[in-house]
Amino acid sequence: MNPAKRSRIQSFKLERFELEANMPTHFHGDANTVRALSAFINLIRASDSTMTKTTAHLEELGVTPGQFAVLEALLHLGPMCQHTLGEKLLRSGGNVTLVVDNLERHGWVRRERQVNDRRMIQIHLTPKGRRLITRVFPEHAKMVVKVMSKLSAAEQEQLRKIARKLGRGADELCTERMEREKEHDNDQTE
């Protein structure tokens, strides 16, 4: 292919990519709303894509992403109660219970009721679970590094800071909503 034709094709592909990247929403509204929707759509697409690429190998090993998250938390943070696991992993109590039930069924974790507070049940890795996660985690880390290598070190750090800021903002909105609901519930009972 001659250089001029190759240049036109590359230019067309770049133009199309920039157009798609800059306009992921088809909503026609004010600039702030379009920008926010477009950023949100790109964030969700990138998140879904990276999760798919970084967790596919886990399922080949017979571990779900949820199970991996619990095993990894126990490996790096040590034993903890289910409630704390849920908070660390941003999962509901019911979801953590189901995941821990399945991990226990495989013999990868064990529940241990606390002597000083019988209501508290701490989750521990078993030797079998420790062997599994110490084998699987390095492979997973390599996959994450490979996917994230599309960004420079500076971009990765910038993404980390932006994601944290966004997450904290979402937490604040959630807290505000819960406070409004509590006020509404109090108004209903008075």
Protein backbone atom coordinates (compact mmCIF):
# COMPACT_ATOMS: atom_id res chain seq x y z
CA MET A 1 0.00 0.00 0.00
CA ASN A 2 1.36 3.40 -0.89
CA PRO A 3 2.27 5.77 1.97
CA ALA A 4 -0.35 8.38 1.07
CA LYS A 5 -3.18 5.82 1.14
CA ARG A 6 -1.87 4.34 4.42
CA SER A 7 -1.76 7.84 5.92
CA ARG A 8 -5.39 8.54 4.85
CA ILE A 9 -6.56 5.23 6.38
CA GLN A 10 -4.67 5.87 9.61
CA SER A 11 -6.06 9.40 9.76
CA PHE A 12 -9.61 8.09 9.21
CA LYS A 13 -9.16 5.44 11.95
CA LEU A 14 -7.81 8.04 14.36
CA GLU A 15 -10.66 10.44 13.57
CA ARG A 16 -13.23 7.67 14.11
CA PHE A 17 -11.56 6.60 17.37
CA GLU A 18 -11.47 10.19 18.67
CA LEU A 19 -15.10 10.71 17.73
CA GLU A 20 -16.19 7.50 19.49
CA ALA A 21 -14.00 8.25 22.51
CA ASN A 22 -15.29 11.78 22.82
CA MET A 23 -18.97 10.98 22.28
CA PRO A 24 -19.91 7.72 23.99
CA THR A 25 -23.38 9.01 24.84
CA HIS A 26 -26.09 9.74 22.32
CA PHE A 27 -27.89 11.98 24.79
CA HIS A 28 -28.31 15.57 23.61
CA GLY A 29 -28.42 17.90 26.57
CA ASP A 30 -26.37 20.55 28.26
CA ALA A 31 -22.60 20.26 28.07
CA ASN A 32 -22.15 19.30 31.76
CA THR A 33 -24.60 16.41 31.50
CA VAL A 34 -23.17 15.12 28.22
CA ARG A 35 -19.63 15.34 29.61
CA ALA A 36 -20.60 13.54 32.85
CA LEU A 37 -22.52 10.81 30.99
CA SER A 38 -19.66 10.34 28.51
CA ALA A 39 -17.08 10.07 31.29
CA PHE A 40 -19.32 7.64 33.19
CA ILE A 41 -19.86 5.45 30.12
CA ASN A 42 -16.10 5.37 29.41
CA LEU A 43 -15.42 4.52 33.06
CA ILE A 44 -17.90 1.64 33.06
CA ARG A 45 -16.67 0.29 29.72
CA ALA A 46 -13.05 0.44 30.84
CA SER A 47 -13.93 -1.18 34.17
CA ASP A 48 -15.90 -3.99 32.53
CA SER A 49 -13.17 -4.58 29.95
CA THR A 50 -10.33 -4.67 32.48
CA MET A 51 -12.29 -6.88 34.89
CA THR A 52 -13.05 -9.34 32.11
CA LYS A 53 -9.42 -9.48 31.01
CA THR A 54 -7.98 -9.71 34.52
CA THR A 55 -10.40 -12.30 35.91
CA ALA A 56 -10.81 -14.73 33.00
CA HIS A 57 -7.83 -16.82 34.14
CA LEU A 58 -9.30 -17.07 37.66
CA GLU A 59 -12.32 -18.95 36.44
CA GLU A 60 -10.07 -21.35 34.52
CA LEU A 61 -8.57 -22.19 37.92
CA GLY A 62 -12.02 -22.71 39.44
CA VAL A 63 -12.06 -19.50 41.49
CA THR A 64 -14.69 -16.80 41.01
CA PRO A 65 -13.68 -13.13 41.24
CA GLY A 66 -15.60 -12.85 44.53
CA GLN A 67 -13.83 -15.87 45.99
CA PHE A 68 -10.48 -14.51 44.84
CA ALA A 69 -11.20 -11.15 46.50
CA VAL A 70 -11.93 -12.82 49.85
CA LEU A 71 -8.90 -15.12 49.64
CA GLU A 72 -6.64 -12.22 48.67
CA ALA A 73 -7.93 -10.05 51.54
CA LEU A 74 -7.35 -12.85 54.05
CA LEU A 75 -3.86 -13.49 52.65
CA HIS A 76 -2.73 -9.87 52.84
CA LEU A 77 -4.76 -8.57 55.79
CA GLY A 78 -5.11 -11.68 57.93
CA PRO A 79 -8.21 -13.23 59.53
CA MET A 80 -11.24 -10.97 59.91
CA CYS A 81 -14.96 -11.15 60.54
CA GLN A 82 -17.41 -11.33 57.65
CA HIS A 83 -18.70 -7.82 58.32
CA THR A 84 -15.19 -6.36 57.98
CA LEU A 85 -14.61 -8.43 54.83
CA GLY A 86 -17.79 -6.96 53.36
CA GLU A 87 -16.65 -3.42 54.14
CA LYS A 88 -13.17 -4.02 52.68
CA LEU A 89 -14.59 -5.57 49.50
CA LEU A 90 -17.62 -3.25 49.19
CA ARG A 91 -19.98 -6.23 49.29
CA SER A 92 -23.24 -6.82 51.11
CA GLY A 93 -23.38 -9.10 54.12
CA GLY A 94 -25.46 -11.61 52.18
CA ASN A 95 -22.97 -11.71 49.32
CA VAL A 96 -20.01 -12.24 51.66
CA THR A 97 -21.88 -15.02 53.46
CA LEU A 98 -22.56 -16.82 50.19
CA VAL A 99 -18.94 -16.48 49.03
CA VAL A 100 -17.56 -17.63 52.39
CA ASP A 101 -20.00 -20.59 52.39
CA ASN A 102 -18.61 -21.66 49.01
CA LEU A 103 -15.00 -21.14 50.09
CA GLU A 104 -15.64 -23.19 53.22
CA ARG A 105 -17.24 -25.94 51.14
CA HIS A 106 -14.01 -26.15 49.08
CA GLY A 107 -11.95 -26.26 52.28
CA TRP A 108 -10.20 -22.95 51.50
CA VAL A 109 -11.40 -21.04 54.59
CA ARG A 110 -12.76 -21.87 58.03
CA ARG A 111 -15.03 -19.95 60.36
CA GLU A 112 -13.98 -19.52 63.96
CA ARG A 113 -16.34 -18.17 66.63
CA GLN A 114 -14.55 -15.72 68.93
CA VAL A 115 -14.25 -16.72 72.58
CA ASN A 116 -14.53 -13.18 73.98
CA ASP A 117 -17.58 -12.33 71.83
CA ARG A 118 -19.55 -15.35 70.65
CA ARG A 119 -21.45 -13.20 68.13
CA MET A 120 -18.26 -12.58 66.17
CA ILE A 121 -17.15 -15.18 63.66
CA GLN A 122 -13.72 -14.70 62.19
CA ILE A 123 -12.76 -16.08 58.78
CA HIS A 124 -9.34 -17.75 58.41
CA LEU A 125 -7.47 -19.18 55.43
CA THR A 126 -6.89 -22.91 55.69
CA PRO A 127 -3.54 -24.35 54.56
CA LYS A 128 -5.30 -25.51 51.37
CA GLY A 129 -6.68 -21.98 50.80
CA ARG A 130 -3.29 -20.40 51.47
CA ARG A 131 -1.63 -22.72 48.92
CA LEU A 132 -4.30 -21.80 46.35
CA ILE A 133 -4.12 -18.03 46.78
CA THR A 134 -0.31 -17.94 46.95
CA ARG A 135 -0.28 -19.80 43.63
CA VAL A 136 -3.06 -17.79 41.96
CA PHE A 137 -2.25 -14.28 43.20
CA PRO A 138 1.10 -13.86 41.34
CA GLU A 139 -0.58 -14.90 38.06
CA HIS A 140 -3.38 -12.43 38.70
CA ALA A 141 -0.91 -9.64 39.53
CA LYS A 142 0.93 -10.29 36.25
CA MET A 143 -2.35 -10.02 34.34
CA VAL A 144 -3.21 -6.75 36.08
CA VAL A 145 0.25 -5.35 35.28
CA LYS A 146 -0.18 -6.40 31.65
CA VAL A 147 -3.59 -4.71 31.33
CA MET A 148 -2.49 -1.59 33.20
CA SER A 149 0.70 -1.31 31.12
CA LYS A 150 -1.42 0.46 28.50
CA LEU A 151 -1.00 3.45 30.83
CA SER A 152 2.31 5.02 31.82
CA ALA A 153 3.34 4.96 35.49
CA ALA A 154 2.23 8.61 35.79
CA GLU A 155 -1.14 7.84 34.17
CA GLN A 156 -1.67 4.88 36.51
CA GLU A 157 -1.00 7.12 39.51
CA GLN A 158 -3.31 9.80 38.11
CA LEU A 159 -6.03 7.20 37.50
CA ARG A 160 -5.64 5.90 41.06
CA LYS A 161 -6.08 9.41 42.49
CA ILE A 162 -9.06 10.22 40.25
CA ALA A 163 -10.76 6.90 41.02
CA ARG A 164 -10.27 7.45 44.75
CA LYS A 165 -11.69 10.99 44.51
CA LEU A 166 -14.66 9.72 42.53
CA GLY A 167 -15.25 6.88 44.98
CA ARG A 168 -15.18 9.22 47.95
CA GLY A 169 -17.63 11.53 46.22
CA ALA A 170 -19.98 8.59 45.62
CA ASP A 171 -19.63 7.57 49.28
CA GLU A 172 -20.62 11.10 50.34
CA LEU A 173 -23.71 10.97 48.11
CA CYS A 174 -24.65 7.59 49.55
CA THR A 175 -24.27 8.91 53.12
CA GLU A 176 -26.39 11.96 52.30
CA ARG A 177 -29.10 9.72 50.81
CA MET A 178 -29.09 7.46 53.88
CA GLU A 179 -29.43 10.51 56.16
CA ARG A 180 -32.37 11.82 54.11
CA GLU A 181 -34.03 8.38 54.26
CA LYS A 182 -33.51 8.25 58.02
CA GLU A 183 -35.05 11.72 58.40
CA HIS A 184 -37.95 10.65 56.20
CA ASP A 185 -38.47 7.50 58.29
CA ASN A 186 -38.39 9.58 61.49
CA ASP A 187 -40.97 11.96 60.02
CA GLN A 188 -43.22 9.01 59.18
CA THR A 189 -43.12 7.59 62.73
CA GLU A 190 -43.86 10.88 64.50
